[in-house]
Amino acid sequence: MRFKLVDAAKLLPAAVAVAANGLPVMAYAVDYLSPQQAQQALFPQADRFDVREIKLDAAQMQAMASRYGVPARSAQWKVLEASQGGKRLGWVIIDNVVGKFELITYAVGIAVDGSVKQVEILSYRESHGGEIRLPAWRQQFVGKTAQAPIKVGSDIANISGATLSCSHVTEGIKRIAALIDMARSSGQLGAGA
C-alpha cells in the first residue's frame, strides 16, 4: 500500500458519490504520513527496522478477548522491530480500523517495556472527526500498557463529533498493546523482549 503526503490545508473532496436518494455525498481522504515516515517519527533514532511476524493460536486469540477485553481480530500480524546499533528500541505496528464508515490507518510505537511510546495517524478518510490527529488526544496513550483500561470514557477522552473514530482507534491501540504483551510473554519477539 502506498501513501502520498498531502497538505491538509489544500484538502479537497477526494470523491463525490451519489447516495440512494440521489443526493451527492462528499467523501474525503487525507494521507498524512507514509508507513516509512511514521516509523521514523515513532523511532527517529532507529537505524534499522526488521519485519517480525506474530502468530496467535486459537487459545491466544481467546485469551486476548478474555484477558485484555478486545477481540484479536487477526491471527497473524506483521510488526516492525526498531533497533539502533543492534539494540532493540521497540516495535511499530501499522493497522486499520473503521471510523464511522471509512478506514483510519494509524501506527503505534511500543517501547521495549510494552508501553505505548507514540501514536500517529497515517490516513484519515472520514469527513468529520479528524481531531483524533491532534497531539493532545494522541498523547493520552503514551505510557499506557496492555494492563491499562485504554478505553474511551475511562482513561481516554472522547471528542464530540468523532465518537466512533475515537472508540475504534482506542480499541485498536488496546489490541496492539495486548498483542505485543502476549508476544513478549510467549517469546515470539525474541530474547530480551
N, C-alpha and C. Protein backbone atom coordinates (compact mmCIF):
# COMPACT_ATOMS: atom_id res chain seq x y z
N MET A 1 0.85 -1.16 0.00
CA MET A 1 0.00 0.00 0.00
C MET A 1 0.90 1.23 0.00
N ARG A 2 0.66 2.15 -0.90
CA ARG A 2 1.46 3.37 -0.99
C ARG A 2 0.64 4.54 -0.50
N PHE A 3 1.31 5.45 0.17
CA PHE A 3 0.65 6.63 0.69
C PHE A 3 1.30 7.86 0.09
N LYS A 4 0.54 8.89 -0.03
CA LYS A 4 1.04 10.14 -0.57
C LYS A 4 0.81 11.22 0.49
N LEU A 5 1.85 11.97 0.80
CA LEU A 5 1.74 13.03 1.78
C LEU A 5 0.97 14.19 1.17
N VAL A 6 -0.07 14.65 1.85
CA VAL A 6 -0.93 15.71 1.35
C VAL A 6 -0.97 16.83 2.36
N ASP A 7 -0.90 18.06 1.89
CA ASP A 7 -1.05 19.22 2.76
C ASP A 7 -2.52 19.33 3.12
N ALA A 8 -2.82 19.17 4.40
CA ALA A 8 -4.22 19.17 4.85
C ALA A 8 -4.92 20.49 4.54
N ALA A 9 -4.18 21.58 4.46
CA ALA A 9 -4.79 22.88 4.16
C ALA A 9 -5.33 22.93 2.74
N LYS A 10 -4.84 22.06 1.89
CA LYS A 10 -5.28 22.04 0.49
C LYS A 10 -6.25 20.90 0.22
N LEU A 11 -6.79 20.37 1.30
CA LEU A 11 -7.71 19.24 1.18
C LEU A 11 -8.93 19.61 0.35
N LEU A 12 -9.19 18.80 -0.65
CA LEU A 12 -10.39 18.92 -1.48
C LEU A 12 -11.14 17.60 -1.40
N PRO A 13 -12.42 17.62 -1.68
CA PRO A 13 -13.14 16.34 -1.68
C PRO A 13 -12.43 15.34 -2.60
N ALA A 14 -12.21 14.15 -2.07
CA ALA A 14 -11.50 13.13 -2.83
C ALA A 14 -12.41 12.44 -3.82
N ALA A 15 -13.67 12.43 -3.52
CA ALA A 15 -14.61 11.76 -4.42
C ALA A 15 -16.02 12.25 -4.11
N VAL A 16 -16.86 12.19 -5.10
CA VAL A 16 -18.26 12.50 -4.88
C VAL A 16 -19.05 11.26 -5.26
N ALA A 17 -19.83 10.78 -4.31
CA ALA A 17 -20.64 9.59 -4.56
C ALA A 17 -22.10 10.01 -4.57
N VAL A 18 -22.92 9.24 -5.22
CA VAL A 18 -24.34 9.54 -5.24
C VAL A 18 -25.03 8.53 -4.34
N ALA A 19 -25.71 9.04 -3.33
CA ALA A 19 -26.41 8.17 -2.38
C ALA A 19 -27.69 7.64 -3.03
N ALA A 20 -28.30 6.70 -2.36
CA ALA A 20 -29.51 6.06 -2.87
C ALA A 20 -30.61 7.08 -3.15
N ASN A 21 -30.64 8.17 -2.39
CA ASN A 21 -31.69 9.18 -2.60
C ASN A 21 -31.30 10.19 -3.68
N GLY A 22 -30.18 9.99 -4.33
CA GLY A 22 -29.77 10.86 -5.42
C GLY A 22 -29.02 12.09 -5.00
N LEU A 23 -28.85 12.32 -3.71
CA LEU A 23 -28.12 13.49 -3.23
C LEU A 23 -26.63 13.20 -3.21
N PRO A 24 -25.81 14.17 -3.59
CA PRO A 24 -24.36 13.93 -3.56
C PRO A 24 -23.86 13.83 -2.13
N VAL A 25 -22.93 12.93 -1.93
CA VAL A 25 -22.28 12.74 -0.64
C VAL A 25 -20.79 12.94 -0.87
N MET A 26 -20.19 13.82 -0.08
CA MET A 26 -18.76 14.09 -0.25
C MET A 26 -17.96 13.07 0.55
N ALA A 27 -16.94 12.53 -0.07
CA ALA A 27 -16.03 11.61 0.61
C ALA A 27 -14.66 12.28 0.66
N TYR A 28 -14.02 12.24 1.81
CA TYR A 28 -12.73 12.89 2.00
C TYR A 28 -11.68 11.85 2.34
N ALA A 29 -10.48 12.13 1.94
CA ALA A 29 -9.36 11.27 2.33
C ALA A 29 -8.11 12.12 2.39
N VAL A 30 -7.39 11.98 3.48
CA VAL A 30 -6.12 12.69 3.61
C VAL A 30 -5.08 11.69 4.09
N ASP A 31 -3.99 11.62 3.37
CA ASP A 31 -2.85 10.81 3.77
C ASP A 31 -1.83 11.76 4.38
N TYR A 32 -1.52 11.55 5.65
CA TYR A 32 -0.61 12.44 6.36
C TYR A 32 0.82 11.94 6.38
N LEU A 33 0.99 10.62 6.53
CA LEU A 33 2.32 10.03 6.61
C LEU A 33 2.34 8.72 5.84
N SER A 34 3.47 8.42 5.25
CA SER A 34 3.68 7.09 4.68
C SER A 34 4.08 6.16 5.82
N PRO A 35 4.01 4.86 5.63
CA PRO A 35 4.48 3.95 6.68
C PRO A 35 5.94 4.22 7.07
N GLN A 36 6.78 4.53 6.10
CA GLN A 36 8.19 4.81 6.39
C GLN A 36 8.34 6.10 7.20
N GLN A 37 7.56 7.12 6.86
CA GLN A 37 7.60 8.37 7.63
C GLN A 37 7.11 8.14 9.05
N ALA A 38 6.09 7.31 9.20
CA ALA A 38 5.55 7.02 10.53
C ALA A 38 6.58 6.29 11.38
N GLN A 39 7.23 5.28 10.82
CA GLN A 39 8.21 4.55 11.63
C GLN A 39 9.36 5.45 12.04
N GLN A 40 9.76 6.38 11.18
CA GLN A 40 10.83 7.32 11.55
C GLN A 40 10.35 8.31 12.61
N ALA A 41 9.07 8.69 12.54
CA ALA A 41 8.50 9.59 13.55
C ALA A 41 8.41 8.89 14.90
N LEU A 42 8.08 7.61 14.89
CA LEU A 42 7.93 6.86 16.13
C LEU A 42 9.27 6.51 16.77
N PHE A 43 10.25 6.19 15.96
CA PHE A 43 11.59 5.83 16.45
C PHE A 43 12.64 6.56 15.60
N PRO A 44 12.79 7.88 15.80
CA PRO A 44 13.72 8.65 14.96
C PRO A 44 15.18 8.21 15.10
N GLN A 45 15.56 7.64 16.23
CA GLN A 45 16.94 7.23 16.45
C GLN A 45 17.26 5.86 15.83
N ALA A 46 16.25 5.14 15.36
CA ALA A 46 16.46 3.80 14.81
C ALA A 46 17.25 3.86 13.51
N ASP A 47 18.17 2.91 13.37
CA ASP A 47 18.92 2.80 12.12
C ASP A 47 18.51 1.55 11.34
N ARG A 48 17.55 0.81 11.92
CA ARG A 48 17.09 -0.41 11.26
C ARG A 48 15.68 -0.75 11.72
N PHE A 49 14.88 -1.26 10.76
CA PHE A 49 13.54 -1.77 11.04
C PHE A 49 13.42 -3.14 10.40
N ASP A 50 13.24 -4.17 11.22
CA ASP A 50 13.13 -5.53 10.71
C ASP A 50 11.71 -6.06 10.93
N VAL A 51 11.21 -6.75 9.92
CA VAL A 51 9.86 -7.31 10.00
C VAL A 51 9.89 -8.55 10.88
N ARG A 52 8.97 -8.60 11.81
CA ARG A 52 8.75 -9.77 12.67
C ARG A 52 7.30 -10.18 12.48
N GLU A 53 7.04 -11.46 12.53
CA GLU A 53 5.67 -11.94 12.42
C GLU A 53 5.22 -12.52 13.75
N ILE A 54 4.04 -12.12 14.15
CA ILE A 54 3.43 -12.68 15.35
C ILE A 54 2.25 -13.53 14.89
N LYS A 55 2.23 -14.77 15.35
CA LYS A 55 1.14 -15.67 15.01
C LYS A 55 0.46 -16.10 16.30
N LEU A 56 -0.82 -15.82 16.39
CA LEU A 56 -1.60 -16.21 17.55
C LEU A 56 -2.34 -17.50 17.27
N ASP A 57 -2.29 -18.44 18.22
CA ASP A 57 -3.09 -19.65 18.08
C ASP A 57 -4.48 -19.37 18.62
N ALA A 58 -5.37 -20.33 18.51
CA ALA A 58 -6.76 -20.15 18.92
C ALA A 58 -6.86 -19.79 20.41
N ALA A 59 -6.04 -20.43 21.24
CA ALA A 59 -6.07 -20.14 22.68
C ALA A 59 -5.63 -18.70 22.95
N GLN A 60 -4.61 -18.23 22.25
CA GLN A 60 -4.14 -16.85 22.43
C GLN A 60 -5.19 -15.85 21.96
N MET A 61 -5.87 -16.17 20.87
CA MET A 61 -6.90 -15.27 20.37
C MET A 61 -8.04 -15.16 21.37
N GLN A 62 -8.42 -16.28 21.97
CA GLN A 62 -9.46 -16.25 23.00
C GLN A 62 -8.97 -15.52 24.25
N ALA A 63 -7.72 -15.74 24.61
CA ALA A 63 -7.15 -15.09 25.79
C ALA A 63 -7.10 -13.58 25.61
N MET A 64 -6.86 -13.12 24.39
CA MET A 64 -6.83 -11.67 24.16
C MET A 64 -8.17 -11.06 24.53
N ALA A 65 -9.24 -11.72 24.11
CA ALA A 65 -10.57 -11.20 24.41
C ALA A 65 -10.88 -11.29 25.91
N SER A 66 -10.55 -12.41 26.52
CA SER A 66 -10.89 -12.56 27.94
C SER A 66 -9.95 -11.80 28.87
N ARG A 67 -8.65 -11.79 28.58
CA ARG A 67 -7.67 -11.15 29.46
C ARG A 67 -7.60 -9.64 29.27
N TYR A 68 -7.69 -9.21 28.01
CA TYR A 68 -7.49 -7.79 27.72
C TYR A 68 -8.77 -7.06 27.32
N GLY A 69 -9.83 -7.81 27.05
CA GLY A 69 -11.10 -7.19 26.72
C GLY A 69 -11.25 -6.68 25.30
N VAL A 70 -10.39 -7.14 24.39
CA VAL A 70 -10.51 -6.76 22.98
C VAL A 70 -10.39 -8.01 22.11
N PRO A 71 -11.16 -8.09 21.03
CA PRO A 71 -11.03 -9.24 20.14
C PRO A 71 -9.69 -9.19 19.40
N ALA A 72 -9.11 -10.34 19.14
CA ALA A 72 -7.81 -10.40 18.46
C ALA A 72 -7.90 -9.92 17.02
N ARG A 73 -9.01 -10.12 16.38
CA ARG A 73 -9.30 -9.72 15.01
C ARG A 73 -8.49 -10.44 13.94
N SER A 74 -7.25 -10.79 14.23
CA SER A 74 -6.43 -11.49 13.25
C SER A 74 -5.44 -12.41 13.97
N ALA A 75 -5.14 -13.54 13.36
CA ALA A 75 -4.19 -14.47 13.95
C ALA A 75 -2.75 -14.14 13.56
N GLN A 76 -2.57 -13.38 12.48
CA GLN A 76 -1.22 -13.07 12.01
C GLN A 76 -1.04 -11.56 11.92
N TRP A 77 0.07 -11.10 12.47
CA TRP A 77 0.40 -9.67 12.49
C TRP A 77 1.84 -9.47 12.05
N LYS A 78 2.06 -8.43 11.26
CA LYS A 78 3.42 -8.02 10.91
C LYS A 78 3.79 -6.85 11.80
N VAL A 79 4.96 -6.95 12.40
CA VAL A 79 5.45 -5.96 13.33
C VAL A 79 6.84 -5.55 12.86
N LEU A 80 7.14 -4.27 12.93
CA LEU A 80 8.48 -3.80 12.61
C LEU A 80 9.24 -3.60 13.91
N GLU A 81 10.38 -4.27 14.02
CA GLU A 81 11.21 -4.09 15.20
C GLU A 81 12.22 -2.99 14.91
N ALA A 82 12.19 -1.94 15.71
CA ALA A 82 13.12 -0.81 15.57
C ALA A 82 14.36 -1.08 16.40
N SER A 83 15.53 -0.83 15.82
CA SER A 83 16.76 -1.01 16.58
C SER A 83 17.78 0.05 16.18
N GLN A 84 18.74 0.25 17.06
CA GLN A 84 19.83 1.18 16.81
C GLN A 84 21.12 0.49 17.25
N GLY A 85 22.02 0.34 16.31
CA GLY A 85 23.29 -0.31 16.62
C GLY A 85 23.10 -1.71 17.18
N GLY A 86 22.08 -2.42 16.73
CA GLY A 86 21.82 -3.78 17.18
C GLY A 86 21.02 -3.86 18.48
N LYS A 87 20.70 -2.73 19.10
CA LYS A 87 19.93 -2.72 20.34
C LYS A 87 18.47 -2.45 20.02
N ARG A 88 17.59 -3.33 20.49
CA ARG A 88 16.15 -3.18 20.25
C ARG A 88 15.63 -1.93 20.96
N LEU A 89 14.85 -1.12 20.21
CA LEU A 89 14.23 0.08 20.77
C LEU A 89 12.75 -0.12 21.03
N GLY A 90 12.13 -0.99 20.23
CA GLY A 90 10.70 -1.23 20.36
C GLY A 90 10.12 -1.71 19.05
N TRP A 91 8.81 -1.56 18.92
CA TRP A 91 8.11 -2.09 17.75
C TRP A 91 7.14 -1.07 17.18
N VAL A 92 6.93 -1.16 15.88
CA VAL A 92 5.96 -0.34 15.17
C VAL A 92 4.93 -1.27 14.57
N ILE A 93 3.67 -0.97 14.82
CA ILE A 93 2.58 -1.74 14.23
C ILE A 93 1.67 -0.77 13.50
N ILE A 94 1.42 -1.04 12.23
CA ILE A 94 0.52 -0.22 11.42
C ILE A 94 -0.77 -1.02 11.26
N ASP A 95 -1.88 -0.36 11.50
CA ASP A 95 -3.16 -1.05 11.49
C ASP A 95 -4.23 -0.14 10.89
N ASN A 96 -5.37 -0.72 10.59
CA ASN A 96 -6.54 0.00 10.10
C ASN A 96 -7.74 -0.35 10.97
N VAL A 97 -8.56 0.65 11.24
CA VAL A 97 -9.85 0.42 11.87
C VAL A 97 -10.87 1.24 11.09
N VAL A 98 -12.13 0.85 11.20
CA VAL A 98 -13.19 1.63 10.58
C VAL A 98 -13.55 2.75 11.55
N GLY A 99 -13.63 3.98 11.04
CA GLY A 99 -14.08 5.11 11.86
C GLY A 99 -15.58 5.01 12.01
N LYS A 100 -16.30 5.81 11.26
CA LYS A 100 -17.75 5.66 11.20
C LYS A 100 -18.11 4.83 9.98
N PHE A 101 -17.53 5.21 8.83
CA PHE A 101 -17.78 4.48 7.59
C PHE A 101 -16.49 4.05 6.89
N GLU A 102 -15.44 4.82 7.07
CA GLU A 102 -14.20 4.63 6.31
C GLU A 102 -13.05 4.16 7.20
N LEU A 103 -12.00 3.64 6.55
CA LEU A 103 -10.84 3.17 7.28
C LEU A 103 -9.97 4.33 7.78
N ILE A 104 -9.43 4.14 8.96
CA ILE A 104 -8.43 5.04 9.53
C ILE A 104 -7.16 4.20 9.64
N THR A 105 -6.08 4.67 9.06
CA THR A 105 -4.80 3.98 9.15
C THR A 105 -3.96 4.70 10.19
N TYR A 106 -3.43 3.95 11.12
CA TYR A 106 -2.65 4.55 12.20
C TYR A 106 -1.46 3.64 12.52
N ALA A 107 -0.48 4.20 13.20
CA ALA A 107 0.70 3.45 13.62
C ALA A 107 0.91 3.66 15.10
N VAL A 108 1.32 2.60 15.77
CA VAL A 108 1.59 2.66 17.20
C VAL A 108 3.03 2.23 17.42
N GLY A 109 3.76 3.04 18.17
CA GLY A 109 5.11 2.68 18.60
C GLY A 109 5.02 2.13 20.01
N ILE A 110 5.56 0.94 20.21
CA ILE A 110 5.56 0.31 21.53
C ILE A 110 7.02 0.18 21.98
N ALA A 111 7.32 0.69 23.18
CA ALA A 111 8.67 0.61 23.74
C ALA A 111 8.96 -0.81 24.18
N VAL A 112 10.24 -1.11 24.45
CA VAL A 112 10.63 -2.47 24.83
C VAL A 112 9.97 -2.93 26.13
N ASP A 113 9.53 -2.00 26.97
CA ASP A 113 8.84 -2.40 28.21
C ASP A 113 7.35 -2.68 27.98
N GLY A 114 6.89 -2.55 26.73
CA GLY A 114 5.49 -2.84 26.41
C GLY A 114 4.56 -1.64 26.51
N SER A 115 5.09 -0.48 26.83
CA SER A 115 4.25 0.71 26.93
C SER A 115 4.14 1.42 25.59
N VAL A 116 3.02 2.12 25.40
CA VAL A 116 2.83 2.89 24.17
C VAL A 116 3.78 4.08 24.21
N LYS A 117 4.58 4.19 23.17
CA LYS A 117 5.55 5.28 23.05
C LYS A 117 4.92 6.48 22.36
N GLN A 118 4.16 6.19 21.29
CA GLN A 118 3.59 7.26 20.48
C GLN A 118 2.57 6.66 19.52
N VAL A 119 1.62 7.49 19.09
CA VAL A 119 0.61 7.10 18.11
C VAL A 119 0.62 8.13 16.99
N GLU A 120 0.57 7.67 15.76
CA GLU A 120 0.50 8.55 14.59
C GLU A 120 -0.69 8.13 13.72
N ILE A 121 -1.39 9.10 13.18
CA ILE A 121 -2.47 8.83 12.21
C ILE A 121 -1.86 8.99 10.83
N LEU A 122 -1.89 7.94 10.03
CA LEU A 122 -1.32 7.99 8.69
C LEU A 122 -2.33 8.49 7.67
N SER A 123 -3.55 7.95 7.72
CA SER A 123 -4.60 8.33 6.77
C SER A 123 -5.92 8.43 7.49
N TYR A 124 -6.64 9.51 7.17
CA TYR A 124 -7.97 9.70 7.75
C TYR A 124 -8.91 9.96 6.60
N ARG A 125 -9.93 9.12 6.46
CA ARG A 125 -10.80 9.16 5.28
C ARG A 125 -12.21 9.65 5.58
N GLU A 126 -12.53 9.91 6.84
CA GLU A 126 -13.86 10.38 7.20
C GLU A 126 -13.98 11.88 6.92
N SER A 127 -15.22 12.36 6.75
CA SER A 127 -15.43 13.79 6.53
C SER A 127 -15.41 14.58 7.84
N HIS A 128 -15.61 13.90 8.98
CA HIS A 128 -15.61 14.55 10.29
C HIS A 128 -14.74 13.74 11.24
N GLY A 129 -14.29 14.39 12.31
CA GLY A 129 -13.58 13.67 13.36
C GLY A 129 -12.09 13.63 13.22
N GLY A 130 -11.54 14.37 12.28
CA GLY A 130 -10.10 14.38 12.08
C GLY A 130 -9.32 14.91 13.28
N GLU A 131 -10.05 15.39 14.30
CA GLU A 131 -9.40 15.90 15.50
C GLU A 131 -8.64 14.81 16.25
N ILE A 132 -8.86 13.55 15.91
CA ILE A 132 -8.08 12.49 16.57
C ILE A 132 -6.59 12.62 16.23
N ARG A 133 -6.28 13.40 15.22
CA ARG A 133 -4.88 13.65 14.88
C ARG A 133 -4.22 14.66 15.82
N LEU A 134 -5.01 15.39 16.58
CA LEU A 134 -4.44 16.41 17.46
C LEU A 134 -3.48 15.77 18.46
N PRO A 135 -2.32 16.39 18.65
CA PRO A 135 -1.33 15.82 19.58
C PRO A 135 -1.89 15.57 20.98
N ALA A 136 -2.72 16.46 21.49
CA ALA A 136 -3.25 16.29 22.84
C ALA A 136 -4.08 15.02 22.97
N TRP A 137 -4.84 14.68 21.93
CA TRP A 137 -5.64 13.45 22.01
C TRP A 137 -4.74 12.22 21.93
N ARG A 138 -3.80 12.23 21.00
CA ARG A 138 -2.90 11.07 20.84
C ARG A 138 -1.97 10.89 22.04
N GLN A 139 -1.64 11.99 22.70
CA GLN A 139 -0.74 11.95 23.87
C GLN A 139 -1.33 11.14 25.03
N GLN A 140 -2.64 11.02 25.07
CA GLN A 140 -3.29 10.27 26.16
C GLN A 140 -2.85 8.81 26.23
N PHE A 141 -2.37 8.27 25.12
CA PHE A 141 -1.99 6.86 25.06
C PHE A 141 -0.56 6.61 25.54
N VAL A 142 0.26 7.64 25.54
CA VAL A 142 1.67 7.48 25.87
C VAL A 142 1.82 6.94 27.30
N GLY A 143 2.61 5.89 27.42
CA GLY A 143 2.86 5.27 28.71
C GLY A 143 1.87 4.18 29.08
N LYS A 144 0.78 4.06 28.35
CA LYS A 144 -0.22 3.02 28.64
C LYS A 144 0.36 1.65 28.27
N THR A 145 -0.04 0.66 29.04
CA THR A 145 0.33 -0.72 28.75
C THR A 145 -0.95 -1.53 28.54
N ALA A 146 -0.78 -2.78 28.20
CA ALA A 146 -1.93 -3.65 27.97
C ALA A 146 -2.78 -3.80 29.22
N GLN A 147 -2.21 -3.56 30.39
CA GLN A 147 -2.95 -3.69 31.64
C GLN A 147 -3.81 -2.46 31.94
N ALA A 148 -3.59 -1.35 31.25
CA ALA A 148 -4.38 -0.13 31.45
C ALA A 148 -5.75 -0.33 30.79
N PRO A 149 -6.75 0.41 31.26
CA PRO A 149 -8.07 0.28 30.63
C PRO A 149 -8.04 0.58 29.13
N ILE A 150 -7.34 1.64 28.73
CA ILE A 150 -7.31 2.12 27.34
C ILE A 150 -8.72 2.04 26.75
N LYS A 151 -9.59 2.86 27.30
CA LYS A 151 -10.98 2.86 26.89
C LYS A 151 -11.53 4.28 26.92
N VAL A 152 -12.23 4.65 25.85
CA VAL A 152 -12.87 5.97 25.79
C VAL A 152 -13.86 6.07 26.95
N GLY A 153 -13.77 7.16 27.69
CA GLY A 153 -14.65 7.38 28.82
C GLY A 153 -14.06 6.88 30.12
N SER A 154 -13.00 6.07 30.03
CA SER A 154 -12.34 5.56 31.24
C SER A 154 -11.04 6.33 31.45
N ASP A 155 -10.07 6.09 30.58
CA ASP A 155 -8.81 6.82 30.68
C ASP A 155 -8.46 7.56 29.39
N ILE A 156 -9.34 7.49 28.41
CA ILE A 156 -9.16 8.20 27.14
C ILE A 156 -10.39 9.07 26.90
N ALA A 157 -10.16 10.35 26.66
CA ALA A 157 -11.25 11.29 26.45
C ALA A 157 -11.85 11.12 25.06
N ASN A 158 -13.15 11.35 24.97
CA ASN A 158 -13.86 11.34 23.70
C ASN A 158 -13.76 12.72 23.06
N ILE A 159 -13.92 12.77 21.75
CA ILE A 159 -14.00 14.04 21.03
C ILE A 159 -15.41 14.10 20.45
N SER A 160 -16.16 15.12 20.82
CA SER A 160 -17.51 15.29 20.31
C SER A 160 -17.48 15.36 18.79
N GLY A 161 -18.32 14.58 18.16
CA GLY A 161 -18.37 14.53 16.70
C GLY A 161 -17.43 13.49 16.11
N ALA A 162 -16.63 12.87 16.97
CA ALA A 162 -15.69 11.85 16.50
C ALA A 162 -15.75 10.62 17.40
N THR A 163 -16.92 10.37 17.97
CA THR A 163 -17.06 9.30 18.95
C THR A 163 -16.65 7.94 18.39
N LEU A 164 -17.13 7.59 17.21
CA LEU A 164 -16.78 6.28 16.65
C LEU A 164 -15.31 6.19 16.29
N SER A 165 -14.77 7.25 15.71
CA SER A 165 -13.34 7.26 15.37
C SER A 165 -12.51 7.11 16.64
N CYS A 166 -12.86 7.87 17.67
CA CYS A 166 -12.15 7.77 18.96
C CYS A 166 -12.23 6.35 19.52
N SER A 167 -13.43 5.81 19.57
CA SER A 167 -13.63 4.48 20.14
C SER A 167 -12.89 3.40 19.37
N HIS A 168 -12.96 3.45 18.05
CA HIS A 168 -12.36 2.39 17.25
C HIS A 168 -10.83 2.46 17.24
N VAL A 169 -10.28 3.68 17.16
CA VAL A 169 -8.82 3.81 17.22
C VAL A 169 -8.34 3.39 18.61
N THR A 170 -9.06 3.79 19.65
CA THR A 170 -8.68 3.42 21.01
C THR A 170 -8.69 1.90 21.18
N GLU A 171 -9.73 1.24 20.69
CA GLU A 171 -9.78 -0.22 20.77
C GLU A 171 -8.63 -0.85 19.99
N GLY A 172 -8.30 -0.26 18.84
CA GLY A 172 -7.18 -0.78 18.04
C GLY A 172 -5.86 -0.65 18.78
N ILE A 173 -5.65 0.47 19.46
CA ILE A 173 -4.41 0.67 20.22
C ILE A 173 -4.35 -0.32 21.38
N LYS A 174 -5.47 -0.54 22.04
CA LYS A 174 -5.54 -1.53 23.13
C LYS A 174 -5.18 -2.91 22.57
N ARG A 175 -5.71 -3.25 21.41
CA ARG A 175 -5.43 -4.56 20.78
C ARG A 175 -3.93 -4.69 20.50
N ILE A 176 -3.32 -3.63 19.99
CA ILE A 176 -1.89 -3.68 19.68
C ILE A 176 -1.06 -3.81 20.95
N ALA A 177 -1.40 -3.07 22.00
CA ALA A 177 -0.68 -3.19 23.28
C ALA A 177 -0.81 -4.62 23.81
N ALA A 178 -2.00 -5.20 23.70
CA ALA A 178 -2.23 -6.58 24.15
C ALA A 178 -1.44 -7.56 23.30
N LEU A 179 -1.43 -7.35 22.00
CA LEU A 179 -0.70 -8.23 21.08
C LEU A 179 0.79 -8.26 21.44
N ILE A 180 1.38 -7.11 21.64
CA ILE A 180 2.80 -7.04 21.98
C ILE A 180 3.04 -7.67 23.35
N ASP A 181 2.14 -7.44 24.30
CA ASP A 181 2.27 -8.04 25.62
C ASP A 181 2.26 -9.57 25.52
N MET A 182 1.34 -10.10 24.74
CA MET A 182 1.27 -11.56 24.56
C MET A 182 2.51 -12.09 23.85
N ALA A 183 2.95 -11.38 22.82
CA ALA A 183 4.11 -11.83 22.06
C ALA A 183 5.39 -11.75 22.90
N ARG A 184 5.50 -10.74 23.72
CA ARG A 184 6.67 -10.62 24.61
C ARG A 184 6.68 -11.76 25.61
N SER A 185 5.52 -12.04 26.22
CA SER A 185 5.48 -13.08 27.25
C SER A 185 5.62 -14.49 26.68
N SER A 186 5.27 -14.68 25.42
CA SER A 186 5.40 -16.02 24.79
C SER A 186 6.75 -16.19 24.09
N GLY A 187 7.57 -15.14 24.06
CA GLY A 187 8.88 -15.23 23.42
C GLY A 187 8.86 -15.07 21.91
N GLN A 188 7.73 -14.69 21.34
CA GLN A 188 7.64 -14.56 19.88
C GLN A 188 8.46 -13.39 19.34
N LEU A 189 8.81 -12.44 20.19
CA LEU A 189 9.59 -11.30 19.72
C LEU A 189 11.07 -11.44 20.05
N GLY A 190 11.49 -12.63 20.43
CA GLY A 190 12.89 -12.90 20.67
C GLY A 190 13.32 -12.67 22.10
N ALA A 191 14.57 -12.99 22.36
CA ALA A 191 15.14 -12.87 23.70
C ALA A 191 15.19 -11.41 24.13
N GLY A 192 14.95 -11.21 25.38
CA GLY A 192 15.03 -9.85 25.93
C GLY A 192 13.83 -8.99 25.60
N ALA A 193 12.78 -9.60 25.05
CA ALA A 193 11.61 -8.81 24.66
C ALA A 193 10.81 -8.39 25.86
